[in-house]
Amino acid sequence: MLQKIFNTLLAGKRGYLLGFVLCFGIVALALVIQTTYKLEPCPLCITQRMVFMGLGVLFLISTFIPPANIFKKIFAALQVLTALGGAGVAIRHWYLQANRESMIADCGVGFDYMFENFPLQKAFKLLFRGTGDCAAIDWTFIGLTLPQLGLISFLGFAALAVYLAFSKA
């Protein structure tokens, strides 16, 4: 019974629409958490949100591609790579939080400042180095931090993309 519901929910275009809705739902949830608890997102949090939105757009585009088309597999590969890239950012963020005692208390420069005042390569280098803000744990859910929840979500989306690419519907 549960498998029938699962297969019906993920059949064809519904699976891609579900991926789209979930990706943007996660971003909306992050904004709700941010405003409710008056939190300022760090550069890695913002990056993860952008990856979720990009992944959501890829799922939405896949909704309009015919099932037998080669582009279906290409978009599945893009979805998996995007999700794994987001997982990499989440792992980096989790690492910074796990080693926060050794982090310098300095908060560093903000996301906007990085991209407005540094060359793109330097801005990305600064972004992934993280800041003191990235090491802070401001909110948890069932004992998991936001980067850990993001990692679980990204891996789930990668699995969803693989499932949808190889499903018969």
Protein backbone atom coordinates (compact mmCIF):
# COMPACT_ATOMS: atom_id res chain seq x y z
CA MET A 1 0.00 0.00 0.00
CA LEU A 2 2.75 2.45 0.98
CA GLN A 3 4.74 1.57 -2.14
CA LYS A 4 1.67 2.20 -4.32
CA ILE A 5 1.22 5.65 -2.78
CA PHE A 6 4.96 6.32 -3.20
CA ASN A 7 4.90 5.25 -6.87
CA THR A 8 1.76 7.29 -7.57
CA LEU A 9 3.19 10.37 -5.90
CA LEU A 10 6.43 10.15 -7.89
CA ALA A 11 5.00 9.01 -11.23
CA GLY A 12 6.09 11.08 -14.21
CA LYS A 13 5.74 14.83 -13.97
CA ARG A 14 4.41 14.69 -10.41
CA GLY A 15 7.82 13.55 -9.13
CA TYR A 16 9.57 16.48 -10.75
CA LEU A 17 6.94 18.92 -9.52
CA LEU A 18 7.32 17.45 -6.04
CA GLY A 19 11.08 18.03 -6.24
CA PHE A 20 10.48 21.63 -7.33
CA VAL A 21 7.97 22.30 -4.54
CA LEU A 22 10.18 20.67 -1.88
CA CYS A 23 13.28 22.62 -2.95
CA PHE A 24 11.51 25.95 -2.74
CA GLY A 25 9.66 24.80 0.37
CA ILE A 26 13.00 24.27 2.09
CA VAL A 27 14.08 27.79 1.16
CA ALA A 28 10.76 29.15 2.44
CA LEU A 29 11.20 27.20 5.68
CA ALA A 30 14.71 28.63 6.07
CA LEU A 31 13.28 32.14 5.67
CA VAL A 32 10.59 31.40 8.27
CA ILE A 33 13.23 30.13 10.70
CA GLN A 34 15.39 33.17 9.96
CA THR A 35 12.62 35.68 10.61
CA THR A 36 11.03 33.84 13.55
CA TYR A 37 14.30 33.52 15.47
CA LYS A 38 15.81 36.77 14.11
CA LEU A 39 18.85 34.99 12.69
CA GLU A 40 21.29 36.38 10.13
CA PRO A 41 22.27 33.77 7.53
CA CYS A 42 25.97 33.21 6.99
CA PRO A 43 27.52 33.04 3.49
CA LEU A 44 27.34 29.23 3.43
CA CYS A 45 23.65 29.30 4.44
CA ILE A 46 22.93 31.70 1.59
CA THR A 47 24.89 29.49 -0.80
CA GLN A 48 22.88 26.42 0.22
CA ARG A 49 19.65 28.34 -0.36
CA MET A 50 20.82 29.32 -3.84
CA VAL A 51 21.70 25.70 -4.61
CA PHE A 52 18.24 24.59 -3.44
CA MET A 53 16.65 27.17 -5.73
CA GLY A 54 18.82 26.13 -8.69
CA LEU A 55 17.95 22.49 -8.03
CA GLY A 56 14.27 23.41 -7.86
CA VAL A 57 14.48 25.12 -11.25
CA LEU A 58 16.15 22.02 -12.73
CA PHE A 59 13.30 19.87 -11.38
CA LEU A 60 10.75 22.31 -12.83
CA ILE A 61 12.39 22.28 -16.27
CA SER A 62 12.43 18.47 -16.21
CA THR A 63 8.65 18.51 -15.80
CA PHE A 64 8.33 19.73 -19.39
CA ILE A 65 10.77 17.30 -21.03
CA PRO A 66 9.23 14.22 -22.69
CA PRO A 67 10.10 10.97 -20.82
CA ALA A 68 11.95 9.27 -23.69
CA ASN A 69 14.06 12.32 -24.50
CA ILE A 70 17.86 12.25 -23.95
CA PHE A 71 17.55 15.60 -22.17
CA LYS A 72 15.75 13.77 -19.35
CA LYS A 73 19.00 11.95 -18.53
CA ILE A 74 21.08 15.10 -18.99
CA PHE A 75 18.87 17.01 -16.56
CA ALA A 76 18.99 14.08 -14.14
CA ALA A 77 22.78 14.28 -14.22
CA LEU A 78 22.61 18.06 -13.65
CA GLN A 79 20.21 17.53 -10.75
CA VAL A 80 22.48 14.94 -9.13
CA LEU A 81 25.58 17.10 -9.61
CA THR A 82 23.80 20.16 -8.23
CA ALA A 83 22.53 18.21 -5.23
CA LEU A 84 26.00 16.79 -4.58
CA GLY A 85 27.50 20.27 -4.87
CA GLY A 86 25.00 21.48 -2.29
CA ALA A 87 25.90 18.50 -0.12
CA GLY A 88 29.55 19.56 -0.37
CA VAL A 89 28.68 23.06 0.84
CA ALA A 90 26.63 21.57 3.69
CA ILE A 91 29.52 19.30 4.68
CA ARG A 92 31.91 22.26 4.71
CA HIS A 93 29.45 24.21 6.84
CA TRP A 94 29.01 21.25 9.21
CA TYR A 95 32.81 20.93 9.47
CA LEU A 96 33.13 24.60 10.46
CA GLN A 97 30.47 24.13 13.12
CA ALA A 98 32.10 20.97 14.43
CA ASN A 99 35.41 22.83 14.78
CA ARG A 100 34.04 26.15 16.04
CA GLU A 101 36.31 26.17 19.09
CA SER A 102 39.32 26.52 16.81
CA MET A 103 37.64 29.18 14.66
CA ILE A 104 38.68 32.79 15.02
CA ALA A 105 35.92 34.85 16.62
CA ASP A 106 36.04 37.31 13.72
CA CYS A 107 32.86 37.25 11.66
CA GLY A 108 34.56 38.24 8.43
CA VAL A 109 32.96 40.08 5.54
CA GLY A 110 29.36 39.63 4.42
CA PHE A 111 28.12 37.79 1.35
CA ASP A 112 27.23 40.96 -0.60
CA TYR A 113 30.52 42.63 0.23
CA MET A 114 32.51 39.63 -1.03
CA PHE A 115 30.94 39.63 -4.48
CA GLU A 116 30.87 43.41 -4.88
CA ASN A 117 34.47 44.10 -3.86
CA PHE A 118 36.54 41.06 -4.82
CA PRO A 119 37.24 39.30 -8.09
CA LEU A 120 34.93 36.30 -8.56
CA GLN A 121 37.65 33.71 -7.86
CA LYS A 122 38.67 35.44 -4.61
CA ALA A 123 35.03 35.88 -3.57
CA PHE A 124 34.37 32.14 -3.98
CA LYS A 125 37.55 31.34 -2.07
CA LEU A 126 36.41 33.57 0.81
CA LEU A 127 32.90 32.14 0.64
CA PHE A 128 33.99 28.54 1.10
CA ARG A 129 36.53 29.38 3.76
CA GLY A 130 33.58 30.35 5.93
CA THR A 131 33.43 32.91 8.68
CA GLY A 132 32.85 33.01 12.40
CA ASP A 133 29.17 33.30 11.56
CA CYS A 134 29.33 30.00 9.70
CA ALA A 135 30.67 28.24 12.77
CA ALA A 136 27.84 29.41 15.02
CA ILE A 137 25.01 26.98 15.79
CA ASP A 138 21.95 29.17 16.24
CA TRP A 139 19.15 26.66 15.67
CA THR A 140 18.64 22.89 15.79
CA PHE A 141 15.80 20.50 15.06
CA ILE A 142 15.78 17.05 16.70
CA GLY A 143 19.43 17.61 17.54
CA LEU A 144 20.46 18.36 13.95
CA THR A 145 21.90 21.69 12.82
CA LEU A 146 20.78 23.44 9.65
CA PRO A 147 23.80 22.22 7.61
CA GLN A 148 23.12 18.65 8.72
CA LEU A 149 19.47 18.97 7.71
CA GLY A 150 20.60 20.52 4.43
CA LEU A 151 22.98 17.62 3.80
CA ILE A 152 20.18 15.10 4.36
CA SER A 153 17.94 17.08 2.00
CA PHE A 154 20.57 17.36 -0.74
CA LEU A 155 21.27 13.62 -0.60
CA GLY A 156 17.52 12.95 -0.72
CA PHE A 157 17.18 15.15 -3.80
CA ALA A 158 20.09 13.35 -5.49
CA ALA A 159 18.33 10.03 -4.80
CA LEU A 160 15.04 11.46 -6.10
CA ALA A 161 16.72 12.61 -9.32
CA VAL A 162 18.23 9.14 -9.88
CA TYR A 163 14.89 7.46 -9.11
CA LEU A 164 12.99 9.72 -11.52
CA ALA A 165 15.59 9.28 -14.28
CA PHE A 166 15.28 5.51 -14.20
CA SER A 167 11.59 5.15 -13.41
CA LYS A 168 9.39 3.81 -16.19
CA ALA A 169 6.73 6.55 -15.97
